[in-house]
Amino acid sequence: MDEGKVFDQFLHLPDGYQAQVMVMAEPVSGLEGKVAYRSRVWLGHEDEMDPYLYRTEVHWDLQEAIRTCWAMLRQLAPHCFRSRAAIEAVKGVDRKLPTG
């Protein structure tokens, strides 16, 4: 498995909110040929340069890492977005978009 970005979705949400979910493959020190998958979620607004929130988690399985991205997005959006429409837009988004 190559290292680097293996999954990336950027979402333009209602009322100017934005989210990015990404999985990076990273080599594991001391384990030749083994990679870990880092799930990354970024939440922000088009009017702000810096994100409101950025979270990561590490997994051994790519599909688990992708599922975690979507789960973190659904969990964190209500804490960051002040728009009910943006919060509603992230519900089920993992079933509306391709995952690979």
PDB file of N, CA and C in Angstrom:
ATOM      1  N   MET A   1       0.853  -1.186   0.000  1.00  0.00           N
ATOM      2  CA  MET A   1       0.000   0.000   0.000  1.00  0.00           C
ATOM      3  C   MET A   1       0.891   1.239   0.000  1.00  0.00           C
ATOM      4  N   ASP A   2       0.544   2.162  -0.863  1.00  0.00           N
ATOM      5  CA  ASP A   2       1.261   3.430  -0.913  1.00  0.00           C
ATOM      6  C   ASP A   2       0.838   4.301   0.255  1.00  0.00           C
ATOM      7  N   GLU A   3       1.748   5.175   0.650  1.00  0.00           N
ATOM      8  CA  GLU A   3       1.376   6.118   1.690  1.00  0.00           C
ATOM      9  C   GLU A   3       0.838   7.379   1.051  1.00  0.00           C
ATOM     10  N   GLY A   4       0.112   8.154   1.834  1.00  0.00           N
ATOM     11  CA  GLY A   4      -0.471   9.393   1.356  1.00  0.00           C
ATOM     12  C   GLY A   4      -1.983   9.352   1.424  1.00  0.00           C
ATOM     13  N   LYS A   5      -2.623  10.295   0.738  1.00  0.00           N
ATOM     14  CA  LYS A   5      -4.069  10.432   0.770  1.00  0.00           C
ATOM     15  C   LYS A   5      -4.724   9.277   0.009  1.00  0.00           C
ATOM     16  N   VAL A   6      -5.649   8.561   0.669  1.00  0.00           N
ATOM     17  CA  VAL A   6      -6.346   7.455   0.017  1.00  0.00           C
ATOM     18  C   VAL A   6      -7.852   7.704  -0.080  1.00  0.00           C
ATOM     19  N   PHE A   7      -8.341   8.735   0.598  1.00  0.00           N
ATOM     20  CA  PHE A   7      -9.765   9.089   0.553  1.00  0.00           C
ATOM     21  C   PHE A   7      -9.887  10.561   0.901  1.00  0.00           C
ATOM     22  N   ASP A   8     -10.724  11.283   0.152  1.00  0.00           N
ATOM     23  CA  ASP A   8     -10.866  12.720   0.393  1.00  0.00           C
ATOM     24  C   ASP A   8     -12.200  13.200  -0.154  1.00  0.00           C
ATOM     25  N   GLN A   9     -12.998  13.822   0.690  1.00  0.00           N
ATOM     26  CA  GLN A   9     -14.260  14.439   0.271  1.00  0.00           C
ATOM     27  C   GLN A   9     -14.341  15.825   0.903  1.00  0.00           C
ATOM     28  N   PHE A  10     -14.609  16.834   0.074  1.00  0.00           N
ATOM     29  CA  PHE A  10     -14.814  18.198   0.558  1.00  0.00           C
ATOM     30  C   PHE A  10     -16.281  18.520   0.359  1.00  0.00           C
ATOM     31  N   LEU A  11     -16.946  18.980   1.392  1.00  0.00           N
ATOM     32  CA  LEU A  11     -18.380  19.234   1.343  1.00  0.00           C
ATOM     33  C   LEU A  11     -18.685  20.714   1.510  1.00  0.00           C
ATOM     34  N   HIS A  12     -19.419  21.272   0.567  1.00  0.00           N
ATOM     35  CA  HIS A  12     -19.955  22.624   0.694  1.00  0.00           C
ATOM     36  C   HIS A  12     -21.362  22.464   1.260  1.00  0.00           C
ATOM     37  N   LEU A  13     -21.577  22.954   2.455  1.00  0.00           N
ATOM     38  CA  LEU A  13     -22.836  22.776   3.154  1.00  0.00           C
ATOM     39  C   LEU A  13     -23.636  24.076   3.156  1.00  0.00           C
ATOM     40  N   PRO A  14     -24.919  24.017   3.513  1.00  0.00           N
ATOM     41  CA  PRO A  14     -25.730  25.238   3.553  1.00  0.00           C
ATOM     42  C   PRO A  14     -25.142  26.313   4.460  1.00  0.00           C
ATOM     43  N   ASP A  15     -25.487  27.546   4.158  1.00  0.00           N
ATOM     44  CA  ASP A  15     -25.133  28.724   4.965  1.00  0.00           C
ATOM     45  C   ASP A  15     -23.632  28.958   5.072  1.00  0.00           C
ATOM     46  N   GLY A  16     -22.866  28.494   4.076  1.00  0.00           N
ATOM     47  CA  GLY A  16     -21.434  28.762   4.018  1.00  0.00           C
ATOM     48  C   GLY A  16     -20.558  27.814   4.811  1.00  0.00           C
ATOM     49  N   TYR A  17     -21.142  26.827   5.462  1.00  0.00           N
ATOM     50  CA  TYR A  17     -20.338  25.874   6.230  1.00  0.00           C
ATOM     51  C   TYR A  17     -19.655  24.884   5.298  1.00  0.00           C
ATOM     52  N   GLN A  18     -18.512  24.378   5.750  1.00  0.00           N
ATOM     53  CA  GLN A  18     -17.724  23.445   4.956  1.00  0.00           C
ATOM     54  C   GLN A  18     -17.191  22.338   5.848  1.00  0.00           C
ATOM     55  N   ALA A  19     -16.986  21.177   5.234  1.00  0.00           N
ATOM     56  CA  ALA A  19     -16.382  20.060   5.960  1.00  0.00           C
ATOM     57  C   ALA A  19     -15.488  19.299   4.993  1.00  0.00           C
ATOM     58  N   GLN A  20     -14.427  18.747   5.518  1.00  0.00           N
ATOM     59  CA  GLN A  20     -13.563  17.873   4.738  1.00  0.00           C
ATOM     60  C   GLN A  20     -13.320  16.622   5.561  1.00  0.00           C
ATOM     61  N   VAL A  21     -13.503  15.478   4.915  1.00  0.00           N
ATOM     62  CA  VAL A  21     -13.168  14.199   5.529  1.00  0.00           C
ATOM     63  C   VAL A  21     -12.091  13.562   4.659  1.00  0.00           C
ATOM     64  N   MET A  22     -11.059  13.029   5.311  1.00  0.00           N
ATOM     65  CA  MET A  22      -9.906  12.531   4.573  1.00  0.00           C
ATOM     66  C   MET A  22      -9.291  11.367   5.343  1.00  0.00           C
ATOM     67  N   VAL A  23      -8.723  10.413   4.597  1.00  0.00           N
ATOM     68  CA  VAL A  23      -7.951   9.336   5.217  1.00  0.00           C
ATOM     69  C   VAL A  23      -6.571   9.331   4.578  1.00  0.00           C
ATOM     70  N   MET A  24      -5.559   9.322   5.439  1.00  0.00           N
ATOM     71  CA  MET A  24      -4.170   9.256   4.997  1.00  0.00           C
ATOM     72  C   MET A  24      -3.586   7.908   5.404  1.00  0.00           C
ATOM     73  N   ALA A  25      -2.867   7.260   4.482  1.00  0.00           N
ATOM     74  CA  ALA A  25      -2.131   6.036   4.803  1.00  0.00           C
ATOM     75  C   ALA A  25      -0.735   6.454   5.238  1.00  0.00           C
ATOM     76  N   GLU A  26      -0.318   5.960   6.399  1.00  0.00           N
ATOM     77  CA  GLU A  26       0.977   6.341   6.965  1.00  0.00           C
ATOM     78  C   GLU A  26       1.758   5.085   7.325  1.00  0.00           C
ATOM     79  N   PRO A  27       3.043   5.028   6.963  1.00  0.00           N
ATOM     80  CA  PRO A  27       3.846   3.845   7.315  1.00  0.00           C
ATOM     81  C   PRO A  27       3.979   3.709   8.835  1.00  0.00           C
ATOM     82  N   VAL A  28       4.017   2.473   9.283  1.00  0.00           N
ATOM     83  CA  VAL A  28       4.173   2.199  10.715  1.00  0.00           C
ATOM     84  C   VAL A  28       5.638   1.891  10.981  1.00  0.00           C
ATOM     85  N   SER A  29       6.237   2.666  11.859  1.00  0.00           N
ATOM     86  CA  SER A  29       7.639   2.493  12.196  1.00  0.00           C
ATOM     87  C   SER A  29       7.891   1.096  12.764  1.00  0.00           C
ATOM     88  N   GLY A  30       8.895   0.416  12.222  1.00  0.00           N
ATOM     89  CA  GLY A  30       9.276  -0.896  12.714  1.00  0.00           C
ATOM     90  C   GLY A  30       8.506  -2.054  12.110  1.00  0.00           C
ATOM     91  N   LEU A  31       7.481  -1.767  11.314  1.00  0.00           N
ATOM     92  CA  LEU A  31       6.696  -2.819  10.669  1.00  0.00           C
ATOM     93  C   LEU A  31       6.753  -2.625   9.153  1.00  0.00           C
ATOM     94  N   GLU A  32       7.709  -3.255   8.529  1.00  0.00           N
ATOM     95  CA  GLU A  32       7.949  -3.127   7.088  1.00  0.00           C
ATOM     96  C   GLU A  32       6.672  -3.421   6.286  1.00  0.00           C
ATOM     97  N   GLY A  33       6.277  -2.493   5.440  1.00  0.00           N
ATOM     98  CA  GLY A  33       5.133  -2.673   4.566  1.00  0.00           C
ATOM     99  C   GLY A  33       3.776  -2.484   5.221  1.00  0.00           C
ATOM    100  N   LYS A  34       3.732  -2.202   6.502  1.00  0.00           N
ATOM    101  CA  LYS A  34       2.464  -2.025   7.222  1.00  0.00           C
ATOM    102  C   LYS A  34       2.124  -0.539   7.280  1.00  0.00           C
ATOM    103  N   VAL A  35       0.838  -0.224   7.048  1.00  0.00           N
ATOM    104  CA  VAL A  35       0.389   1.164   7.146  1.00  0.00           C
ATOM    105  C   VAL A  35      -0.764   1.269   8.143  1.00  0.00           C
ATOM    106  N   ALA A  36      -0.873   2.434   8.719  1.00  0.00           N
ATOM    107  CA  ALA A  36      -2.018   2.798   9.548  1.00  0.00           C
ATOM    108  C   ALA A  36      -2.794   3.856   8.769  1.00  0.00           C
ATOM    109  N   TYR A  37      -4.074   3.937   9.029  1.00  0.00           N
ATOM    110  CA  TYR A  37      -4.930   4.897   8.332  1.00  0.00           C
ATOM    111  C   TYR A  37      -5.401   5.952   9.313  1.00  0.00           C
ATOM    112  N   ARG A  38      -5.065   7.210   9.002  1.00  0.00           N
ATOM    113  CA  ARG A  38      -5.445   8.329   9.867  1.00  0.00           C
ATOM    114  C   ARG A  38      -6.691   9.006   9.290  1.00  0.00           C
ATOM    115  N   SER A  39      -7.800   8.903  10.040  1.00  0.00           N
ATOM    116  CA  SER A  39      -9.042   9.589   9.681  1.00  0.00           C
ATOM    117  C   SER A  39      -8.916  11.037  10.115  1.00  0.00           C
ATOM    118  N   ARG A  40      -9.256  11.953   9.214  1.00  0.00           N
ATOM    119  CA  ARG A  40      -9.182  13.386   9.529  1.00  0.00           C
ATOM    120  C   ARG A  40     -10.508  14.052   9.179  1.00  0.00           C
ATOM    121  N   VAL A  41     -10.966  14.899  10.077  1.00  0.00           N
ATOM    122  CA  VAL A  41     -12.191  15.669   9.842  1.00  0.00           C
ATOM    123  C   VAL A  41     -11.889  17.129  10.153  1.00  0.00           C
ATOM    124  N   TRP A  42     -12.267  17.983   9.221  1.00  0.00           N
ATOM    125  CA  TRP A  42     -12.082  19.433   9.346  1.00  0.00           C
ATOM    126  C   TRP A  42     -13.445  20.072   9.178  1.00  0.00           C
ATOM    127  N   LEU A  43     -13.834  20.954  10.091  1.00  0.00           N
ATOM    128  CA  LEU A  43     -15.109  21.670  10.027  1.00  0.00           C
ATOM    129  C   LEU A  43     -14.838  23.162  10.062  1.00  0.00           C
ATOM    130  N   GLY A  44     -15.494  23.900   9.181  1.00  0.00           N
ATOM    131  CA  GLY A  44     -15.271  25.341   9.152  1.00  0.00           C
ATOM    132  C   GLY A  44     -16.353  26.087   8.404  1.00  0.00           C
ATOM    133  N   HIS A  45     -16.022  27.325   8.053  1.00  0.00           N
ATOM    134  CA  HIS A  45     -16.946  28.208   7.330  1.00  0.00           C
ATOM    135  C   HIS A  45     -16.155  28.935   6.251  1.00  0.00           C
ATOM    136  N   GLU A  46     -16.813  29.197   5.142  1.00  0.00           N
ATOM    137  CA  GLU A  46     -16.125  29.839   4.014  1.00  0.00           C
ATOM    138  C   GLU A  46     -15.596  31.232   4.352  1.00  0.00           C
ATOM    139  N   ASP A  47     -16.144  31.888   5.363  1.00  0.00           N
ATOM    140  CA  ASP A  47     -15.686  33.223   5.745  1.00  0.00           C
ATOM    141  C   ASP A  47     -14.522  33.202   6.739  1.00  0.00           C
ATOM    142  N   GLU A  48     -14.138  32.034   7.206  1.00  0.00           N
ATOM    143  CA  GLU A  48     -13.072  31.903   8.197  1.00  0.00           C
ATOM    144  C   GLU A  48     -11.875  31.180   7.591  1.00  0.00           C
ATOM    145  N   MET A  49     -10.679  31.685   7.814  1.00  0.00           N
ATOM    146  CA  MET A  49      -9.478  31.047   7.280  1.00  0.00           C
ATOM    147  C   MET A  49      -9.141  29.775   8.054  1.00  0.00           C
ATOM    148  N   ASP A  50      -9.265  29.832   9.371  1.00  0.00           N
ATOM    149  CA  ASP A  50      -8.925  28.687  10.213  1.00  0.00           C
ATOM    150  C   ASP A  50     -10.155  27.817  10.461  1.00  0.00           C
ATOM    151  N   PRO A  51      -9.959  26.519  10.591  1.00  0.00           N
ATOM    152  CA  PRO A  51     -11.106  25.641  10.867  1.00  0.00           C
ATOM    153  C   PRO A  51     -11.652  25.867  12.275  1.00  0.00           C
ATOM    154  N   TYR A  52     -12.937  25.592  12.434  1.00  0.00           N
ATOM    155  CA  TYR A  52     -13.543  25.618  13.763  1.00  0.00           C
ATOM    156  C   TYR A  52     -13.036  24.433  14.578  1.00  0.00           C
ATOM    157  N   LEU A  53     -12.869  23.308  13.900  1.00  0.00           N
ATOM    158  CA  LEU A  53     -12.513  22.080  14.597  1.00  0.00           C
ATOM    159  C   LEU A  53     -11.758  21.153  13.650  1.00  0.00           C
ATOM    160  N   TYR A  54     -10.761  20.470  14.177  1.00  0.00           N
ATOM    161  CA  TYR A  54      -9.987  19.499  13.417  1.00  0.00           C
ATOM    162  C   TYR A  54      -9.750  18.303  14.330  1.00  0.00           C
ATOM    163  N   ARG A  55     -10.131  17.106  13.890  1.00  0.00           N
ATOM    164  CA  ARG A  55      -9.954  15.893  14.690  1.00  0.00           C
ATOM    165  C   ARG A  55      -9.328  14.787  13.845  1.00  0.00           C
ATOM    166  N   THR A  56      -8.566  13.911  14.507  1.00  0.00           N
ATOM    167  CA  THR A  56      -7.993  12.752  13.831  1.00  0.00           C
ATOM    168  C   THR A  56      -8.131  11.519  14.722  1.00  0.00           C
ATOM    169  N   GLU A  57      -8.164  10.364  14.076  1.00  0.00           N
ATOM    170  CA  GLU A  57      -8.117   9.065  14.744  1.00  0.00           C
ATOM    171  C   GLU A  57      -7.330   8.125  13.846  1.00  0.00           C
ATOM    172  N   VAL A  58      -6.655   7.143  14.442  1.00  0.00           N
ATOM    173  CA  VAL A  58      -5.854   6.191  13.675  1.00  0.00           C
ATOM    174  C   VAL A  58      -6.505   4.812  13.730  1.00  0.00           C
ATOM    175  N   HIS A  59      -6.513   4.141  12.570  1.00  0.00           N
ATOM    176  CA  HIS A  59      -7.108   2.804  12.437  1.00  0.00           C
ATOM    177  C   HIS A  59      -6.197   1.913  11.607  1.00  0.00           C
ATOM    178  N   TRP A  60      -6.397   0.605  11.715  1.00  0.00           N
ATOM    179  CA  TRP A  60      -5.613  -0.361  10.934  1.00  0.00           C
ATOM    180  C   TRP A  60      -6.317  -0.747   9.642  1.00  0.00           C
ATOM    181  N   ASP A  61      -7.606  -0.468   9.528  1.00  0.00           N
ATOM    182  CA  ASP A  61      -8.399  -0.879   8.371  1.00  0.00           C
ATOM    183  C   ASP A  61      -8.910   0.354   7.625  1.00  0.00           C
ATOM    184  N   LEU A  62      -8.750   0.364   6.308  1.00  0.00           N
ATOM    185  CA  LEU A  62      -9.156   1.520   5.503  1.00  0.00           C
ATOM    186  C   LEU A  62     -10.653   1.784   5.601  1.00  0.00           C
ATOM    187  N   GLN A  63     -11.477   0.765   5.446  1.00  0.00           N
ATOM    188  CA  GLN A  63     -12.927   0.980   5.493  1.00  0.00           C
ATOM    189  C   GLN A  63     -13.378   1.483   6.868  1.00  0.00           C
ATOM    190  N   GLU A  64     -12.758   0.987   7.920  1.00  0.00           N
ATOM    191  CA  GLU A  64     -13.058   1.473   9.265  1.00  0.00           C
ATOM    192  C   GLU A  64     -12.668   2.950   9.390  1.00  0.00           C
ATOM    193  N   ALA A  65     -11.542   3.327   8.810  1.00  0.00           N
ATOM    194  CA  ALA A  65     -11.098   4.719   8.856  1.00  0.00           C
ATOM    195  C   ALA A  65     -12.079   5.631   8.119  1.00  0.00           C
ATOM    196  N   ILE A  66     -12.584   5.174   6.974  1.00  0.00           N
ATOM    197  CA  ILE A  66     -13.562   5.967   6.218  1.00  0.00           C
ATOM    198  C   ILE A  66     -14.861   6.089   7.004  1.00  0.00           C
ATOM    199  N   ARG A  67     -15.351   4.992   7.556  1.00  0.00           N
ATOM    200  CA  ARG A  67     -16.577   5.043   8.372  1.00  0.00           C
ATOM    201  C   ARG A  67     -16.403   5.986   9.557  1.00  0.00           C
ATOM    202  N   THR A  68     -15.221   5.989  10.156  1.00  0.00           N
ATOM    203  CA  THR A  68     -14.942   6.875  11.293  1.00  0.00           C
ATOM    204  C   THR A  68     -15.006   8.337  10.878  1.00  0.00           C
ATOM    205  N   CYS A  69     -14.509   8.662   9.693  1.00  0.00           N
ATOM    206  CA  CYS A  69     -14.608  10.046   9.201  1.00  0.00           C
ATOM    207  C   CYS A  69     -16.052  10.523   9.217  1.00  0.00           C
ATOM    208  N   TRP A  70     -16.930   9.722   8.617  1.00  0.00           N
ATOM    209  CA  TRP A  70     -18.340  10.109   8.535  1.00  0.00           C
ATOM    210  C   TRP A  70     -18.971  10.176   9.926  1.00  0.00           C
ATOM    211  N   ALA A  71     -18.621   9.236  10.792  1.00  0.00           N
ATOM    212  CA  ALA A  71     -19.171   9.236  12.150  1.00  0.00           C
ATOM    213  C   ALA A  71     -18.719  10.480  12.925  1.00  0.00           C
ATOM    214  N   MET A  72     -17.433  10.827  12.801  1.00  0.00           N
ATOM    215  CA  MET A  72     -16.940  12.032  13.482  1.00  0.00           C
ATOM    216  C   MET A  72     -17.638  13.268  12.943  1.00  0.00           C
ATOM    217  N   LEU A  73     -17.857  13.340  11.639  1.00  0.00           N
ATOM    218  CA  LEU A  73     -18.544  14.485  11.044  1.00  0.00           C
ATOM    219  C   LEU A  73     -19.947  14.624  11.631  1.00  0.00           C
ATOM    220  N   ARG A  74     -20.699  13.526  11.651  1.00  0.00           N
ATOM    221  CA  ARG A  74     -22.063  13.576  12.194  1.00  0.00           C
ATOM    222  C   ARG A  74     -22.059  13.950  13.680  1.00  0.00           C
ATOM    223  N   GLN A  75     -21.077  13.448  14.427  1.00  0.00           N
ATOM    224  CA  GLN A  75     -21.014  13.717  15.861  1.00  0.00           C
ATOM    225  C   GLN A  75     -20.610  15.162  16.158  1.00  0.00           C
ATOM    226  N   LEU A  76     -19.661  15.704  15.406  1.00  0.00           N
ATOM    227  CA  LEU A  76     -19.089  17.010  15.719  1.00  0.00           C
ATOM    228  C   LEU A  76     -19.840  18.189  15.120  1.00  0.00           C
ATOM    229  N   ALA A  77     -20.538  17.993  14.007  1.00  0.00           N
ATOM    230  CA  ALA A  77     -21.217  19.104  13.325  1.00  0.00           C
ATOM    231  C   ALA A  77     -22.160  19.886  14.241  1.00  0.00           C
ATOM    232  N   PRO A  78     -22.987  19.232  15.049  1.00  0.00           N
ATOM    233  CA  PRO A  78     -23.894  20.016  15.909  1.00  0.00           C
ATOM    234  C   PRO A  78     -23.169  20.894  16.926  1.00  0.00           C
ATOM    235  N   HIS A  79     -21.921  20.581  17.227  1.00  0.00           N
ATOM    236  CA  HIS A  79     -21.159  21.374  18.192  1.00  0.00           C
ATOM    237  C   HIS A  79     -20.456  22.566  17.536  1.00  0.00           C
ATOM    238  N   CYS A  80     -20.349  22.546  16.204  1.00  0.00           N
ATOM    239  CA  CYS A  80     -19.598  23.587  15.494  1.00  0.00           C
ATOM    240  C   CYS A  80     -20.464  24.487  14.623  1.00  0.00           C
ATOM    241  N   PHE A  81     -21.501  23.919  14.033  1.00  0.00           N
ATOM    242  CA  PHE A  81     -22.320  24.668  13.083  1.00  0.00           C
ATOM    243  C   PHE A  81     -23.512  25.299  13.788  1.00  0.00           C
ATOM    244  N   ARG A  82     -23.787  26.552  13.431  1.00  0.00           N
ATOM    245  CA  ARG A  82     -24.936  27.258  14.007  1.00  0.00           C
ATOM    246  C   ARG A  82     -26.111  27.277  13.036  1.00  0.00           C
ATOM    247  N   SER A  83     -26.050  26.429  12.045  1.00  0.00           N
ATOM    248  CA  SER A  83     -27.097  26.359  11.035  1.00  0.00           C
ATOM    249  C   SER A  83     -27.752  24.985  11.088  1.00  0.00           C
ATOM    250  N   ARG A  84     -29.053  24.979  11.353  1.00  0.00           N
ATOM    251  CA  ARG A  84     -29.780  23.706  11.374  1.00  0.00           C
ATOM    252  C   ARG A  84     -29.701  23.028   9.999  1.00  0.00           C
ATOM    253  N   ALA A  85     -29.727  23.808   8.934  1.00  0.00           N
ATOM    254  CA  ALA A  85     -29.652  23.236   7.588  1.00  0.00           C
ATOM    255  C   ALA A  85     -28.307  22.542   7.353  1.00  0.00           C
ATOM    256  N   ALA A  86     -27.215  23.128   7.839  1.00  0.00           N
ATOM    257  CA  ALA A  86     -25.898  22.511   7.687  1.00  0.00           C
ATOM    258  C   ALA A  86     -25.802  21.228   8.506  1.00  0.00           C
ATOM    259  N   ILE A  87     -26.347  21.258   9.709  1.00  0.00           N
ATOM    260  CA  ILE A  87     -26.331  20.059  10.562  1.00  0.00           C
ATOM    261  C   ILE A  87     -27.150  18.950   9.920  1.00  0.00           C
ATOM    262  N   GLU A  88     -28.317  19.290   9.411  1.00  0.00           N
ATOM    263  CA  GLU A  88     -29.158  18.284   8.753  1.00  0.00           C
ATOM    264  C   GLU A  88     -28.490  17.734   7.496  1.00  0.00           C
ATOM    265  N   ALA A  89     -27.718  18.570   6.807  1.00  0.00           N
ATOM    266  CA  ALA A  89     -27.063  18.148   5.557  1.00  0.00           C
ATOM    267  C   ALA A  89     -26.017  17.065   5.782  1.00  0.00           C
ATOM    268  N   VAL A  90     -25.415  17.013   6.969  1.00  0.00           N
ATOM    269  CA  VAL A  90     -24.392  15.992   7.205  1.00  0.00           C
ATOM    270  C   VAL A  90     -24.989  14.655   7.619  1.00  0.00           C
ATOM    271  N   LYS A  91     -26.244  14.626   7.984  1.00  0.00           N
ATOM    272  CA  LYS A  91     -26.881  13.365   8.364  1.00  0.00           C
ATOM    273  C   LYS A  91     -27.049  12.502   7.120  1.00  0.00           C
ATOM    274  N   GLY A  92     -26.467  11.338   7.138  1.00  0.00           N
ATOM    275  CA  GLY A  92     -26.604  10.410   6.017  1.00  0.00           C
ATOM    276  C   GLY A  92     -25.743  10.742   4.821  1.00  0.00           C
ATOM    277  N   VAL A  93     -24.856  11.741   4.925  1.00  0.00           N
ATOM    278  CA  VAL A  93     -24.038  12.144   3.778  1.00  0.00           C
ATOM    279  C   VAL A  93     -23.150  11.007   3.310  1.00  0.00           C
ATOM    280  N   ASP A  94     -22.745  10.116   4.211  1.00  0.00           N
ATOM    281  CA  ASP A  94     -21.900   8.985   3.823  1.00  0.00           C
ATOM    282  C   ASP A  94     -22.635   8.013   2.906  1.00  0.00           C
ATOM    283  N   ARG A  95     -23.960   8.040   2.935  1.00  0.00           N
ATOM    284  CA  ARG A  95     -24.735   7.159   2.053  1.00  0.00           C
ATOM    285  C   ARG A  95     -25.077   7.846   0.733  1.00  0.00           C
ATOM    286  N   LYS A  96     -24.837   9.152   0.644  1.00  0.00           N
ATOM    287  CA  LYS A  96     -25.144   9.901  -0.566  1.00  0.00           C
ATOM    288  C   LYS A  96     -23.941  10.063  -1.491  1.00  0.00           C
ATOM    289  N   LEU A  97     -22.724   9.925  -0.947  1.00  0.00           N
ATOM    290  CA  LEU A  97     -21.505  10.148  -1.708  1.00  0.00           C
ATOM    291  C   LEU A  97     -20.720   8.856  -1.899  1.00  0.00           C
ATOM    292  N   PRO A  98     -19.924   8.757  -2.951  1.00  0.00           N
ATOM    293  CA  PRO A  98     -19.058   7.580  -3.103  1.00  0.00           C
ATOM    294  C   PRO A  98     -18.024   7.528  -1.985  1.00  0.00           C
ATOM    295  N   THR A  99     -17.608   6.320  -1.588  1.00  0.00           N
ATOM    296  CA  THR A  99     -16.664   6.177  -0.488  1.00  0.00           C
ATOM    297  C   THR A  99     -15.315   5.658  -0.944  1.00  0.00           C
ATOM    298  N   GLY A 100     -14.988   5.781  -2.185  1.00  0.00           N
ATOM    299  CA  GLY A 100     -13.672   5.307  -2.566  1.00  0.00           C
ATOM    300  C   GLY A 100     -13.283   5.600  -3.948  1.00  0.00           C
TER     301      GLY A 100
END
